[in-house]
N, C-alpha and C. Protein backbone atom coordinates (compact mmCIF):
# COMPACT_ATOMS: atom_id res chain seq x y z
N MET A 1 -54.58 22.48 -40.24
CA MET A 1 -54.62 21.36 -39.37
C MET A 1 -53.71 20.23 -39.88
N VAL A 2 -53.66 20.05 -41.19
CA VAL A 2 -52.80 19.04 -41.77
C VAL A 2 -51.33 19.42 -41.56
N THR A 3 -51.01 20.69 -41.68
CA THR A 3 -49.63 21.11 -41.49
C THR A 3 -49.18 20.93 -40.05
N ASP A 4 -50.07 21.05 -39.08
CA ASP A 4 -49.71 20.80 -37.67
C ASP A 4 -49.34 19.34 -37.46
N ARG A 5 -50.08 18.45 -38.10
CA ARG A 5 -49.78 17.02 -37.97
C ARG A 5 -48.43 16.69 -38.60
N GLN A 6 -48.12 17.28 -39.73
CA GLN A 6 -46.84 17.00 -40.38
C GLN A 6 -45.68 17.53 -39.55
N SER A 7 -45.82 18.71 -38.99
CA SER A 7 -44.72 19.25 -38.18
C SER A 7 -44.53 18.44 -36.91
N ARG A 8 -45.67 17.95 -36.33
CA ARG A 8 -45.53 17.10 -35.15
C ARG A 8 -44.87 15.78 -35.51
N GLY A 9 -45.18 15.24 -36.63
CA GLY A 9 -44.56 13.99 -37.09
C GLY A 9 -43.07 14.17 -37.34
N GLN A 10 -42.69 15.32 -37.89
CA GLN A 10 -41.27 15.58 -38.13
C GLN A 10 -40.51 15.75 -36.81
N ILE A 11 -41.12 16.37 -35.85
CA ILE A 11 -40.49 16.55 -34.53
C ILE A 11 -40.32 15.18 -33.85
N ILE A 12 -41.34 14.34 -33.93
CA ILE A 12 -41.24 13.00 -33.35
C ILE A 12 -40.14 12.20 -34.05
N LEU A 13 -40.04 12.29 -35.37
CA LEU A 13 -39.01 11.60 -36.13
C LEU A 13 -37.62 12.09 -35.74
N ILE A 14 -37.44 13.39 -35.63
CA ILE A 14 -36.13 13.96 -35.23
C ILE A 14 -35.80 13.52 -33.80
N GLY A 15 -36.79 13.50 -32.91
CA GLY A 15 -36.56 13.05 -31.54
C GLY A 15 -36.16 11.59 -31.47
N ALA A 16 -36.82 10.76 -32.29
CA ALA A 16 -36.49 9.32 -32.30
C ALA A 16 -35.08 9.09 -32.83
N ILE A 17 -34.70 9.80 -33.89
CA ILE A 17 -33.34 9.66 -34.44
C ILE A 17 -32.31 10.15 -33.42
N SER A 18 -32.58 11.25 -32.76
CA SER A 18 -31.66 11.76 -31.73
C SER A 18 -31.51 10.77 -30.59
N LEU A 19 -32.61 10.18 -30.15
CA LEU A 19 -32.56 9.20 -29.08
C LEU A 19 -31.77 7.96 -29.51
N ALA A 20 -31.92 7.54 -30.75
CA ALA A 20 -31.16 6.40 -31.26
C ALA A 20 -29.66 6.68 -31.25
N PHE A 21 -29.26 7.89 -31.67
CA PHE A 21 -27.83 8.24 -31.66
C PHE A 21 -27.29 8.31 -30.23
N ILE A 22 -28.07 8.80 -29.31
CA ILE A 22 -27.62 8.88 -27.91
C ILE A 22 -27.43 7.47 -27.35
N ILE A 23 -28.38 6.57 -27.60
CA ILE A 23 -28.26 5.20 -27.12
C ILE A 23 -27.07 4.51 -27.77
N LEU A 24 -26.88 4.72 -29.06
CA LEU A 24 -25.74 4.13 -29.76
C LEU A 24 -24.41 4.64 -29.17
N GLY A 25 -24.33 5.93 -28.87
CA GLY A 25 -23.11 6.48 -28.25
C GLY A 25 -22.84 5.88 -26.89
N ILE A 26 -23.88 5.70 -26.09
CA ILE A 26 -23.70 5.10 -24.76
C ILE A 26 -23.22 3.66 -24.88
N VAL A 27 -23.77 2.91 -25.83
CA VAL A 27 -23.35 1.52 -26.04
C VAL A 27 -21.89 1.46 -26.45
N VAL A 28 -21.46 2.34 -27.35
CA VAL A 28 -20.06 2.34 -27.81
C VAL A 28 -19.12 2.67 -26.65
N VAL A 29 -19.45 3.66 -25.85
CA VAL A 29 -18.60 4.03 -24.70
C VAL A 29 -18.56 2.89 -23.69
N PHE A 30 -19.70 2.30 -23.38
CA PHE A 30 -19.75 1.20 -22.41
C PHE A 30 -18.94 0.00 -22.90
N ASN A 31 -19.05 -0.32 -24.16
CA ASN A 31 -18.28 -1.42 -24.73
C ASN A 31 -16.78 -1.15 -24.66
N GLY A 32 -16.37 0.08 -24.94
CA GLY A 32 -14.95 0.45 -24.84
C GLY A 32 -14.43 0.31 -23.42
N VAL A 33 -15.23 0.69 -22.45
CA VAL A 33 -14.82 0.58 -21.05
C VAL A 33 -14.67 -0.89 -20.66
N LEU A 34 -15.62 -1.72 -21.07
CA LEU A 34 -15.53 -3.15 -20.76
C LEU A 34 -14.32 -3.79 -21.43
N TYR A 35 -14.04 -3.42 -22.66
CA TYR A 35 -12.89 -3.97 -23.38
C TYR A 35 -11.59 -3.58 -22.70
N THR A 36 -11.47 -2.33 -22.32
CA THR A 36 -10.26 -1.86 -21.64
C THR A 36 -10.09 -2.55 -20.29
N GLU A 37 -11.17 -2.71 -19.56
CA GLU A 37 -11.11 -3.37 -18.26
C GLU A 37 -10.70 -4.83 -18.41
N THR A 38 -11.19 -5.49 -19.44
CA THR A 38 -10.83 -6.88 -19.68
C THR A 38 -9.36 -7.00 -20.01
N LEU A 39 -8.85 -6.10 -20.83
CA LEU A 39 -7.43 -6.15 -21.18
C LEU A 39 -6.53 -5.88 -19.99
N SER A 40 -6.92 -4.93 -19.15
CA SER A 40 -6.06 -4.56 -18.03
C SER A 40 -6.08 -5.61 -16.92
N SER A 41 -7.14 -6.38 -16.80
CA SER A 41 -7.20 -7.37 -15.73
C SER A 41 -6.65 -8.72 -16.16
N GLY A 42 -6.43 -8.93 -17.46
CA GLY A 42 -5.92 -10.20 -17.94
C GLY A 42 -4.42 -10.30 -17.75
N PRO A 43 -3.90 -11.51 -17.90
CA PRO A 43 -2.46 -11.70 -17.76
C PRO A 43 -1.70 -11.03 -18.91
N ALA A 44 -0.48 -10.58 -18.60
CA ALA A 44 0.32 -9.91 -19.62
C ALA A 44 0.91 -10.88 -20.62
N SER A 45 1.05 -12.11 -20.21
CA SER A 45 1.60 -13.13 -21.10
C SER A 45 0.94 -14.45 -20.78
N GLN A 46 1.53 -15.52 -21.22
CA GLN A 46 0.97 -16.84 -20.94
C GLN A 46 0.98 -17.08 -19.44
N SER A 47 -0.12 -17.54 -18.91
CA SER A 47 -0.15 -17.76 -17.47
C SER A 47 0.01 -19.23 -17.10
N GLY A 48 -0.51 -20.14 -17.89
CA GLY A 48 -0.46 -21.56 -17.55
C GLY A 48 0.93 -22.14 -17.60
N PRO A 49 1.59 -22.08 -18.75
CA PRO A 49 2.88 -22.76 -18.88
C PRO A 49 4.07 -21.93 -18.40
N ASP A 50 3.84 -20.80 -17.74
CA ASP A 50 4.96 -19.96 -17.31
C ASP A 50 5.96 -20.71 -16.43
N ALA A 51 5.47 -21.47 -15.48
CA ALA A 51 6.38 -22.18 -14.56
C ALA A 51 7.19 -23.23 -15.31
N THR A 52 6.56 -23.93 -16.23
CA THR A 52 7.27 -24.95 -17.01
C THR A 52 8.31 -24.30 -17.92
N VAL A 53 7.92 -23.22 -18.56
CA VAL A 53 8.85 -22.50 -19.44
C VAL A 53 10.02 -21.95 -18.62
N THR A 54 9.72 -21.42 -17.45
CA THR A 54 10.78 -20.89 -16.58
C THR A 54 11.76 -22.00 -16.19
N ASP A 55 11.24 -23.16 -15.82
CA ASP A 55 12.13 -24.28 -15.48
C ASP A 55 13.05 -24.65 -16.65
N LEU A 56 12.48 -24.74 -17.84
CA LEU A 56 13.29 -25.10 -19.01
C LEU A 56 14.32 -24.03 -19.33
N GLU A 57 13.93 -22.75 -19.23
CA GLU A 57 14.88 -21.67 -19.50
C GLU A 57 16.03 -21.69 -18.50
N ILE A 58 15.70 -21.90 -17.23
CA ILE A 58 16.75 -21.92 -16.21
C ILE A 58 17.64 -23.14 -16.39
N GLU A 59 17.04 -24.29 -16.68
CA GLU A 59 17.85 -25.50 -16.88
C GLU A 59 18.83 -25.30 -18.04
N ARG A 60 18.35 -24.75 -19.14
CA ARG A 60 19.24 -24.51 -20.28
C ARG A 60 20.30 -23.47 -19.96
N GLY A 61 19.89 -22.38 -19.31
CA GLY A 61 20.83 -21.31 -19.00
C GLY A 61 21.93 -21.74 -18.05
N VAL A 62 21.53 -22.47 -17.00
CA VAL A 62 22.53 -22.93 -16.02
C VAL A 62 23.44 -23.98 -16.65
N SER A 63 22.87 -24.89 -17.44
CA SER A 63 23.72 -25.91 -18.06
C SER A 63 24.73 -25.27 -19.02
N CYS A 64 24.31 -24.26 -19.75
CA CYS A 64 25.26 -23.58 -20.66
C CYS A 64 26.28 -22.76 -19.88
N ALA A 65 25.87 -22.21 -18.73
CA ALA A 65 26.83 -21.48 -17.88
C ALA A 65 27.87 -22.45 -17.32
N LEU A 66 27.45 -23.67 -17.00
CA LEU A 66 28.39 -24.69 -16.53
C LEU A 66 29.31 -25.14 -17.65
N ALA A 67 28.75 -25.30 -18.85
CA ALA A 67 29.55 -25.75 -20.00
C ALA A 67 30.55 -24.70 -20.45
N LYS A 68 30.31 -23.47 -20.10
CA LYS A 68 31.20 -22.38 -20.52
C LYS A 68 32.59 -22.53 -19.92
N GLY A 69 32.67 -23.15 -18.76
CA GLY A 69 33.97 -23.36 -18.12
C GLY A 69 34.36 -22.15 -17.27
N GLY A 70 35.61 -22.11 -16.85
CA GLY A 70 36.08 -21.01 -16.01
C GLY A 70 35.47 -21.10 -14.62
N ASN A 71 35.12 -19.97 -14.05
CA ASN A 71 34.51 -19.92 -12.73
C ASN A 71 33.02 -20.22 -12.88
N ARG A 72 32.65 -21.47 -12.69
CA ARG A 72 31.27 -21.90 -12.95
C ARG A 72 30.27 -21.23 -12.01
N LYS A 73 30.65 -21.07 -10.76
CA LYS A 73 29.73 -20.44 -9.80
C LYS A 73 29.44 -18.99 -10.19
N ALA A 74 30.48 -18.28 -10.64
CA ALA A 74 30.29 -16.90 -11.09
C ALA A 74 29.43 -16.85 -12.36
N ASN A 75 29.62 -17.83 -13.26
CA ASN A 75 28.81 -17.88 -14.49
C ASN A 75 27.33 -18.09 -14.16
N VAL A 76 27.04 -19.02 -13.25
CA VAL A 76 25.66 -19.30 -12.87
C VAL A 76 25.06 -18.10 -12.13
N SER A 77 25.85 -17.47 -11.29
CA SER A 77 25.39 -16.28 -10.57
C SER A 77 25.08 -15.13 -11.53
N ALA A 78 25.92 -14.95 -12.54
CA ALA A 78 25.67 -13.91 -13.55
C ALA A 78 24.40 -14.23 -14.35
N PHE A 79 24.21 -15.52 -14.68
CA PHE A 79 22.98 -15.92 -15.37
C PHE A 79 21.76 -15.64 -14.50
N ASN A 80 21.85 -15.95 -13.20
CA ASN A 80 20.74 -15.70 -12.28
C ASN A 80 20.36 -14.22 -12.28
N ASP A 81 21.35 -13.33 -12.18
CA ASP A 81 21.07 -11.90 -12.18
C ASP A 81 20.43 -11.44 -13.49
N ALA A 82 20.98 -11.91 -14.60
CA ALA A 82 20.44 -11.52 -15.91
C ALA A 82 19.02 -12.05 -16.11
N TYR A 83 18.78 -13.29 -15.71
CA TYR A 83 17.46 -13.89 -15.89
C TYR A 83 16.42 -13.21 -15.00
N ARG A 84 16.80 -12.91 -13.77
CA ARG A 84 15.88 -12.23 -12.85
C ARG A 84 15.49 -10.86 -13.39
N ASN A 85 16.46 -10.12 -13.93
CA ASN A 85 16.16 -8.81 -14.50
C ASN A 85 15.27 -8.93 -15.74
N ALA A 86 15.54 -9.91 -16.59
CA ALA A 86 14.76 -10.08 -17.82
C ALA A 86 13.31 -10.47 -17.52
N THR A 87 13.10 -11.39 -16.60
CA THR A 87 11.73 -11.80 -16.29
C THR A 87 10.99 -10.72 -15.52
N GLY A 88 11.68 -9.99 -14.67
CA GLY A 88 11.04 -8.92 -13.91
C GLY A 88 10.55 -7.79 -14.80
N GLU A 89 11.23 -7.56 -15.92
CA GLU A 89 10.82 -6.50 -16.83
C GLU A 89 9.74 -6.94 -17.81
N SER A 90 9.64 -8.24 -18.09
CA SER A 90 8.69 -8.70 -19.11
C SER A 90 7.37 -9.24 -18.55
N ARG A 91 7.35 -9.70 -17.32
CA ARG A 91 6.12 -10.25 -16.74
C ARG A 91 6.18 -10.13 -15.22
N PRO A 92 5.02 -10.14 -14.56
CA PRO A 92 5.01 -9.96 -13.10
C PRO A 92 5.37 -11.25 -12.36
N VAL A 93 6.65 -11.58 -12.39
CA VAL A 93 7.13 -12.82 -11.79
C VAL A 93 8.44 -12.54 -11.06
N ALA A 94 8.64 -13.23 -9.96
CA ALA A 94 9.92 -13.17 -9.25
C ALA A 94 10.55 -14.56 -9.31
N VAL A 95 11.74 -14.65 -9.91
CA VAL A 95 12.44 -15.92 -10.05
C VAL A 95 13.82 -15.77 -9.44
N ASN A 96 14.23 -16.77 -8.66
CA ASN A 96 15.55 -16.71 -8.05
C ASN A 96 16.17 -18.11 -8.05
N ILE A 97 17.48 -18.15 -8.31
CA ILE A 97 18.25 -19.39 -8.23
C ILE A 97 19.14 -19.25 -7.00
N SER A 98 18.98 -20.17 -6.05
CA SER A 98 19.76 -20.06 -4.82
C SER A 98 20.32 -21.42 -4.43
N GLU A 99 21.06 -21.43 -3.33
CA GLU A 99 21.71 -22.62 -2.80
C GLU A 99 22.46 -23.35 -3.90
N MET A 100 23.36 -22.62 -4.52
CA MET A 100 24.12 -23.21 -5.61
C MET A 100 25.28 -24.03 -5.05
N ASP A 101 25.18 -25.33 -5.19
CA ASP A 101 26.24 -26.24 -4.79
C ASP A 101 26.94 -26.69 -6.07
N ILE A 102 28.02 -25.98 -6.40
CA ILE A 102 28.71 -26.23 -7.66
C ILE A 102 30.11 -26.71 -7.36
N ASP A 103 30.44 -27.87 -7.88
CA ASP A 103 31.77 -28.44 -7.72
C ASP A 103 32.63 -27.97 -8.88
N SER A 104 33.82 -27.47 -8.58
CA SER A 104 34.68 -26.93 -9.64
C SER A 104 35.22 -28.02 -10.56
N SER A 105 35.34 -29.25 -10.07
CA SER A 105 35.88 -30.31 -10.92
C SER A 105 34.79 -31.02 -11.73
N ASP A 106 33.56 -31.01 -11.23
CA ASP A 106 32.46 -31.70 -11.89
C ASP A 106 31.50 -30.66 -12.46
N PRO A 107 31.20 -30.69 -13.76
CA PRO A 107 30.28 -29.71 -14.34
C PRO A 107 28.82 -30.02 -13.99
N ARG A 108 28.52 -30.00 -12.71
CA ARG A 108 27.18 -30.30 -12.21
C ARG A 108 26.83 -29.29 -11.12
N ALA A 109 25.55 -28.91 -11.07
CA ALA A 109 25.12 -27.94 -10.06
C ALA A 109 23.83 -28.41 -9.42
N ASN A 110 23.75 -28.31 -8.10
CA ASN A 110 22.52 -28.53 -7.36
C ASN A 110 21.99 -27.16 -6.98
N ILE A 111 20.84 -26.79 -7.54
CA ILE A 111 20.30 -25.45 -7.31
C ILE A 111 18.86 -25.55 -6.81
N THR A 112 18.38 -24.46 -6.23
CA THR A 112 16.99 -24.32 -5.81
C THR A 112 16.39 -23.18 -6.62
N ILE A 113 15.30 -23.48 -7.35
CA ILE A 113 14.61 -22.48 -8.15
C ILE A 113 13.38 -22.04 -7.37
N THR A 114 13.27 -20.74 -7.11
CA THR A 114 12.10 -20.18 -6.43
C THR A 114 11.34 -19.33 -7.43
N TYR A 115 10.06 -19.62 -7.60
CA TYR A 115 9.20 -18.95 -8.58
C TYR A 115 7.98 -18.39 -7.86
N ASP A 116 7.73 -17.08 -8.00
CA ASP A 116 6.57 -16.44 -7.38
C ASP A 116 5.86 -15.58 -8.41
N SER A 117 4.54 -15.82 -8.58
CA SER A 117 3.72 -14.98 -9.44
C SER A 117 2.34 -14.87 -8.80
N HIS A 118 1.43 -14.17 -9.48
CA HIS A 118 0.07 -14.04 -8.95
C HIS A 118 -0.66 -15.37 -8.96
N GLU A 119 -0.40 -16.21 -9.97
CA GLU A 119 -1.12 -17.46 -10.10
C GLU A 119 -0.53 -18.59 -9.27
N SER A 120 0.79 -18.65 -9.17
CA SER A 120 1.39 -19.79 -8.47
C SER A 120 2.71 -19.40 -7.82
N SER A 121 3.14 -20.28 -6.94
CA SER A 121 4.40 -20.09 -6.24
C SER A 121 4.96 -21.48 -5.95
N TYR A 122 6.25 -21.66 -6.21
CA TYR A 122 6.84 -22.95 -5.91
C TYR A 122 8.34 -22.81 -5.68
N GLU A 123 8.91 -23.87 -5.12
CA GLU A 123 10.35 -23.95 -4.90
C GLU A 123 10.77 -25.37 -5.27
N ARG A 124 11.72 -25.48 -6.19
CA ARG A 124 12.16 -26.80 -6.67
C ARG A 124 13.67 -26.93 -6.57
N ASN A 125 14.10 -28.13 -6.25
CA ASN A 125 15.52 -28.45 -6.25
C ASN A 125 15.84 -29.17 -7.55
N ARG A 126 16.90 -28.78 -8.18
CA ARG A 126 17.30 -29.38 -9.46
C ARG A 126 18.78 -29.69 -9.45
N THR A 127 19.13 -30.77 -10.12
CA THR A 127 20.53 -31.08 -10.40
C THR A 127 20.70 -30.94 -11.90
N ILE A 128 21.59 -30.04 -12.29
CA ILE A 128 21.78 -29.72 -13.70
C ILE A 128 23.23 -29.99 -14.07
N THR A 129 23.42 -30.60 -15.22
CA THR A 129 24.78 -30.88 -15.70
C THR A 129 25.07 -30.06 -16.94
N ALA A 130 26.33 -29.91 -17.24
CA ALA A 130 26.75 -29.15 -18.42
C ALA A 130 26.30 -29.85 -19.71
N SER A 131 26.10 -31.14 -19.67
CA SER A 131 25.69 -31.87 -20.87
C SER A 131 24.26 -31.54 -21.30
N ASP A 132 23.48 -30.87 -20.42
CA ASP A 132 22.11 -30.46 -20.77
C ASP A 132 22.09 -29.26 -21.72
N CYS A 133 23.23 -28.63 -21.89
CA CYS A 133 23.31 -27.45 -22.77
C CYS A 133 23.16 -27.89 -24.21
N PRO A 134 22.20 -27.31 -24.95
CA PRO A 134 22.04 -27.72 -26.35
C PRO A 134 23.21 -27.25 -27.20
N THR A 135 23.64 -28.10 -28.09
CA THR A 135 24.71 -27.72 -29.02
C THR A 135 24.14 -27.66 -30.40
N GLU A 136 24.62 -26.70 -31.16
CA GLU A 136 24.16 -26.55 -32.55
C GLU A 136 25.00 -27.43 -33.45
N GLU A 137 24.30 -28.16 -34.28
CA GLU A 137 25.01 -29.00 -35.26
C GLU A 137 24.78 -28.43 -36.65
N PRO A 138 25.82 -28.43 -37.48
CA PRO A 138 25.67 -27.85 -38.83
C PRO A 138 24.80 -28.64 -39.74
């Protein structure tokens, strides 16, 4: 009779340990699913300052394209194509520079920046000069 009680106790102990491992496995799998879902639904990069950063990048790029000299409209157009390709590959954003009013004698450009993403969308008119291009000093 004593041996029956010990074997029943061992079976209950083995059942409790098995149940604990099953619950632990379910918790680990559920946590992994939640973590993966959180990562996939979050933004790929910074979401708040993207528009501000985009404005600054375009302002610098266009001003340096103007400062480069030569065919300024072609330089700005080439920058637009390169920038659009770079941002399209790195984050889910559509950026376009249009309505380029560039005077060949004056290193100044009136452009329209169009920015579209999941979080925001805007269109801004900017006047950019070649003097906005940063120069490196030794």
